[in-house]
Protein backbone atom coordinates (compact mmCIF):
# COMPACT_ATOMS: atom_id res chain seq x y z
CA MET A 1 -5.02 -15.71 -102.71
CA SER A 2 -3.41 -15.14 -99.54
CA ASP A 3 -0.24 -13.54 -99.88
CA ARG A 4 -1.62 -11.90 -102.80
CA ILE A 5 -3.97 -10.10 -100.93
CA THR A 6 -2.06 -9.14 -98.09
CA ALA A 7 0.50 -7.64 -100.17
CA MET A 8 -2.32 -5.78 -102.01
CA ILE A 9 -3.25 -4.12 -98.58
CA GLU A 10 0.56 -3.64 -97.59
CA GLY A 11 1.11 -1.90 -100.59
CA ARG A 12 -2.28 0.31 -99.69
CA THR A 13 -1.22 1.31 -96.46
CA ARG A 14 2.15 2.14 -97.50
CA MET A 15 0.09 4.56 -100.21
CA LEU A 16 -2.10 6.11 -97.37
CA ARG A 17 0.63 6.09 -94.38
CA GLY A 18 3.02 8.33 -98.15
CA VAL A 19 -0.30 10.65 -98.52
CA SER A 20 -0.28 11.59 -94.88
CA HIS A 21 3.05 12.43 -94.49
CA ASP A 22 2.52 14.58 -97.48
CA LEU A 23 -0.26 16.38 -96.23
CA ARG A 24 0.77 16.64 -92.60
CA THR A 25 3.78 19.06 -94.09
CA PRO A 26 0.51 21.75 -95.38
CA LEU A 27 -1.32 20.98 -92.79
CA THR A 28 1.50 22.54 -90.76
CA ARG A 29 1.60 25.57 -92.51
CA LEU A 30 -2.35 26.01 -92.91
CA ARG A 31 -1.98 25.38 -88.65
CA LEU A 32 0.85 28.65 -89.06
CA ARG A 33 -1.64 30.47 -91.19
CA ALA A 34 -5.18 30.18 -89.26
CA GLU A 35 -2.61 31.02 -86.08
CA ARG A 36 -1.41 34.56 -87.62
CA ALA A 37 -4.32 35.79 -89.66
CA CYS A 38 -7.16 35.02 -88.13
CA GLU A 39 -9.14 36.01 -85.43
CA GLY A 40 -11.88 34.46 -83.36
CA GLU A 41 -14.82 32.38 -84.21
CA LEU A 42 -13.71 31.84 -87.71
CA ARG A 43 -9.45 31.43 -86.32
CA ASP A 44 -11.29 28.39 -84.10
CA MET A 45 -13.14 27.15 -86.78
CA LEU A 46 -10.37 27.22 -89.04
CA LEU A 47 -7.87 25.29 -86.56
CA ALA A 48 -10.97 22.78 -85.93
CA ASP A 49 -11.15 21.84 -89.36
CA ILE A 50 -7.49 21.10 -89.52
CA SER A 51 -6.60 19.17 -86.41
CA ARG A 52 -10.21 16.79 -88.04
CA ILE A 53 -8.45 15.99 -91.06
CA ASP A 54 -5.28 15.25 -89.14
CA ASP A 55 -6.33 13.08 -86.73
CA LEU A 56 -8.84 11.70 -89.51
CA LEU A 57 -5.88 10.89 -91.38
CA ARG A 58 -3.74 9.18 -88.13
CA GLU A 59 -7.32 6.89 -87.61
CA SER A 60 -7.00 5.73 -91.13
CA LEU A 61 -3.48 4.45 -90.52
CA ARG A 62 -4.46 2.74 -87.52
CA TYR A 63 -7.04 0.96 -89.44
CA LEU A 64 -5.46 -0.15 -92.13
CA ARG A 65 -1.94 -0.68 -89.80
CA ASP A 66 -3.83 -4.40 -88.50
CA ASP A 67 -1.46 -4.46 -85.54
CA HIS A 68 -3.46 -7.06 -84.08
CA ASN A 69 -2.77 -9.88 -86.67
CA ARG A 70 0.73 -9.35 -86.60
CA GLU A 71 0.84 -9.46 -82.09
CA THR A 72 1.59 -12.66 -80.33
CA ALA A 73 -1.45 -14.11 -78.38
CA GLU A 74 0.01 -15.01 -74.74
CA ILE A 75 -1.77 -16.11 -71.14
CA VAL A 76 -3.42 -12.54 -69.49
CA ASP A 77 -5.60 -12.14 -66.62
CA LEU A 78 -8.35 -10.81 -69.13
CA ALA A 79 -10.65 -9.89 -65.34
CA SER A 80 -7.58 -7.78 -64.27
CA MET A 81 -7.59 -6.26 -67.60
CA LEU A 82 -11.08 -5.31 -67.94
CA GLN A 83 -10.94 -4.16 -64.15
CA THR A 84 -8.06 -1.51 -65.32
CA ILE A 85 -9.36 -0.55 -68.30
CA CYS A 86 -12.79 0.66 -65.77
CA SER A 87 -10.93 1.82 -63.18
CA GLU A 88 -9.35 4.28 -66.03
CA PHE A 89 -12.55 5.79 -67.61
CA SER A 90 -13.19 6.23 -64.10
CA ASP A 91 -10.58 8.40 -63.03
CA ILE A 92 -11.80 10.76 -66.01
CA GLY A 93 -14.91 10.49 -65.00
CA HIS A 94 -17.20 7.99 -66.74
CA ASN A 95 -19.34 6.30 -64.21
CA VAL A 96 -18.15 2.55 -65.79
CA SER A 97 -18.34 -0.35 -63.58
CA TYR A 98 -17.15 -3.87 -64.40
CA PHE A 99 -18.87 -7.10 -62.68
CA GLY A 100 -17.59 -11.15 -63.32
CA PRO A 101 -14.57 -12.97 -61.26
CA ASN A 102 -11.64 -11.20 -59.60
CA ARG A 103 -9.54 -13.37 -62.01
CA LEU A 104 -9.60 -15.40 -65.72
CA PRO A 105 -6.29 -16.13 -67.82
CA ALA A 106 -6.56 -17.40 -71.36
CA ARG A 107 -4.84 -16.84 -74.17
CA PHE A 108 -5.33 -13.88 -75.87
CA LYS A 109 -3.62 -10.59 -77.73
CA PRO A 110 -3.33 -8.41 -75.10
CA VAL A 111 -3.30 -5.53 -76.92
CA ALA A 112 -6.07 -6.16 -79.91
CA ILE A 113 -8.15 -6.71 -76.79
CA THR A 114 -7.26 -3.90 -74.78
CA ARG A 115 -8.04 -1.71 -77.64
CA ALA A 116 -11.42 -3.43 -78.39
CA VAL A 117 -13.08 -3.01 -75.22
CA ASN A 118 -11.52 0.20 -75.08
CA ASN A 119 -13.42 1.41 -77.96
CA LEU A 120 -16.74 -0.22 -77.31
CA CYS A 121 -16.22 1.55 -73.47
CA GLU A 122 -15.73 4.67 -75.88
CA ASN A 123 -18.85 4.14 -77.56
CA ALA A 124 -20.97 3.71 -74.36
CA VAL A 125 -19.41 6.40 -72.53
CA LYS A 126 -20.75 8.75 -75.57
CA PHE A 127 -24.00 7.84 -75.39
CA GLY A 128 -24.92 7.10 -71.82
CA SER A 129 -24.33 7.60 -69.02
CA HIS A 130 -23.11 4.37 -66.89
CA VAL A 131 -21.47 1.75 -68.63
CA GLU A 132 -21.15 -1.85 -66.88
CA ILE A 133 -18.11 -4.29 -68.32
CA SER A 134 -18.79 -8.34 -66.78
CA LEU A 135 -16.49 -10.94 -67.41
CA GLY A 136 -17.63 -15.07 -67.68
CA VAL A 137 -17.32 -18.14 -69.64
CA VAL A 138 -19.95 -20.01 -71.51
CA ALA A 139 -19.15 -23.05 -72.99
CA GLU A 140 -16.02 -22.73 -73.98
CA ASN A 141 -16.47 -18.95 -74.43
CA VAL A 142 -15.02 -16.52 -72.90
CA VAL A 143 -17.95 -13.85 -73.01
CA VAL A 144 -17.11 -9.96 -72.74
CA GLU A 145 -20.29 -7.42 -72.46
CA VAL A 146 -20.13 -3.73 -72.61
CA ALA A 147 -23.62 -2.04 -71.75
CA ASP A 148 -24.55 1.14 -72.16
CA ASP A 149 -27.83 3.24 -71.18
CA GLY A 150 -27.86 5.44 -74.21
CA PRO A 151 -30.06 5.06 -76.52
CA GLY A 152 -28.91 2.31 -78.66
CA ILE A 153 -28.93 1.56 -81.90
CA PRO A 154 -31.44 0.36 -84.21
CA GLU A 155 -31.72 -3.71 -85.22
CA ALA A 156 -31.35 -2.91 -89.19
CA LEU A 157 -28.46 -0.53 -88.34
CA TRP A 158 -26.21 -3.30 -86.47
CA SER A 159 -24.54 -5.02 -89.56
CA ARG A 160 -23.98 -1.26 -91.05
CA VAL A 161 -22.34 -0.25 -87.96
CA LEU A 162 -19.68 -2.27 -88.53
CA GLU A 163 -18.48 -1.21 -91.36
CA PRO A 164 -15.64 1.14 -91.55
CA PHE A 165 -16.30 4.80 -91.46
CA TYR A 166 -19.88 4.14 -91.71
CA LYS A 167 -21.89 6.54 -89.36
CA ILE A 168 -25.59 6.79 -87.78
CA ASP A 169 -27.55 9.49 -88.24
CA ALA A 170 -29.24 9.99 -85.60
CA ALA A 171 -29.41 10.41 -81.98
CA ARG A 172 -26.28 8.43 -81.33
CA SER A 173 -23.88 10.26 -83.48
CA GLU A 174 -25.20 13.55 -82.51
CA ASN A 175 -22.56 14.04 -79.82
CA SER A 176 -20.05 11.72 -81.87
CA ALA A 177 -16.29 13.49 -83.19
CA GLY A 178 -15.09 9.66 -84.32
CA PHE A 179 -14.93 8.57 -87.47
CA GLY A 180 -16.61 5.05 -87.60
CA LEU A 181 -14.21 3.03 -87.30
CA GLY A 182 -14.26 2.63 -83.97
CA LEU A 183 -16.67 -0.86 -83.77
CA SER A 184 -15.27 -2.01 -87.45
CA ILE A 185 -12.03 -2.68 -85.63
CA VAL A 186 -13.22 -4.53 -82.36
CA SER A 187 -14.82 -6.38 -85.53
CA GLU A 188 -11.44 -7.44 -86.70
CA ILE A 189 -9.69 -8.07 -83.35
CA THR A 190 -13.03 -11.11 -82.86
CA HIS A 191 -12.72 -12.31 -85.70
CA ALA A 192 -9.21 -12.51 -85.48
CA HIS A 193 -9.24 -14.39 -82.12
CA GLY A 194 -11.99 -16.77 -83.58
CA GLY A 195 -14.63 -14.77 -81.98
CA THR A 196 -17.64 -13.08 -82.24
CA LEU A 197 -19.21 -9.49 -81.60
CA GLU A 198 -22.89 -9.04 -81.53
CA PHE A 199 -25.58 -6.73 -80.57
CA LEU A 200 -28.52 -7.05 -78.50
CA LYS A 201 -31.19 -4.12 -77.08
CA ARG A 202 -30.87 -3.37 -73.49
CA GLN A 203 -33.83 -2.74 -71.42
CA PRO A 204 -35.60 -0.33 -70.69
CA HIS A 205 -33.05 1.12 -72.43
CA GLY A 206 -29.67 1.29 -74.00
CA LEU A 207 -27.54 -1.26 -76.55
CA ILE A 208 -25.19 -4.49 -75.09
CA ALA A 209 -21.86 -4.92 -77.45
CA ARG A 210 -20.91 -8.74 -76.45
CA LEU A 211 -17.55 -10.60 -77.70
CA LYS A 212 -17.55 -14.19 -77.57
CA ILE A 213 -14.18 -15.40 -77.78
CA PRO A 214 -13.26 -19.63 -77.19
CA LEU A 215 -11.10 -20.22 -74.81
CA GLY A 216 -9.24 -22.38 -76.75
CA HIS A 217 -7.71 -20.40 -79.33
CA SER A 218 -4.71 -19.48 -79.32
């Protein structure tokens, strides 16, 4: 059964990759024609739509590739990894702070965990002016929290936002140009590590996304 499911997913990914490849040529032609035939606001609108379709194809392929299940776990310094993520967001003007130990070696899939925390931070900086990443160990679990001071997510939608392509139509997604895949990817990466992803309300306002991963996971 597992082999059949894996084969089905790989077949679906190959199909989407083929469709994506076939669409890239007409998208390129549309882009060139829009640049030559249109001017001003209409040209900008057409190019923006073309770019968005291209981005959607690319993000869908990234989601279906499932790279986190193929990556090998290794001992990494999670504290250093999180501090690097904070520095990268700070370098482009975001207010992102780290709270936790200076060093915490543990066995993880480093590319996958980096992607998960990056996705959480990208969401957080869209909706909040200040983001805090914290790291700790609780009851043999590594706990990573990404907290923002934005409008938060209604509790009734906490499970829905983990579904692929689901986007909230309220304040938290007004300024978002994403496709509703970021949190789905975080959830899958966390589960691949034997962990959990949960949301909590932050006072006086905001959201806390908490990753909890067993220290003994390999």
